[in-house]
Amino acid sequence: MNVLAVDIGGTHIKFRTQRKSAPVKVKSGPAMTPAGMMKAITENTEGWKFDCVSLGYPGPVVHDKPLLEPHNLGKGWVKFKFDEAFDGKPVRMVNDAVMQALGSYQGGRMLFLGLGTGLGSAMVVEGVAQPMELAHLPWKNGRTYEEYLGAVALKKHGRKKWLKNLRTVMDELQEAMECEYIVLGGGNAKLVPELPKHVLRGENDNAFKGAFLLWKQKHEPSR
């Protein structure tokens, strides 16, 4: 089985199959719609052969369908017919943080935090993945976790303050979630210079590893 893996981000959409080691990367952003994504995928996958599709979506997902429109992309995702767009090929969709978490998992109880355009979050406990929507929950001063740890906060408040907030959040969440370790993924994880012993930096390819694992039953995530 050859899987097409699509990682849908607020800044870029990346995709590849198990037989293609280098992902294709296209810009996304607030104007990106699902039709626009499909156009980019179609244009860049001519001649590719794949049997099924894994989609990592930046928002809550229920039964392989988006529950809400994404915060950092265009509209139209909730009602879009992804199976029809992929010519009837089987499609599995999960929250994008779940997909990265599965690819980062090293056993036990793990918390994944995705530091990108927004803030992704998921847990994997004894091999079972659970999506979490921490980003838009209030943290302090009436503002959300994402308003302190997203890309806008990094640009607005600077790296030093962003890192301080990140360390505080990690300490609080580790205690609350009783996780054995935390994995930091996303493009801004590279900005964290020194990691505590219980914190790991995720590899860029982990989202694709997770996408391929979606089709192995023993790693089936909670959706």
Foldseek 3Di string as FASTA:
>chain_A
DKEWEWEDDLFWIWIDIPVDPDIDIDGFWAAHDVVNVLVVCVVPQVPPDGQEYEYAAQAADDPQAHPDAHPTGYDDRRPDDVCVSVVNHHYHYHHLQQLLCLLQDDAAWEWEWEAEQFIFIWIAHRLAIDGDDQGQDCDPPRGGPRCLRHPVNCVPVHDVSSLVSVVVVVVVCCVVVVGQAYEYHYDCLVSNDDDPPRYHYGDPCSSVVSRVCCPPVSNPYDD
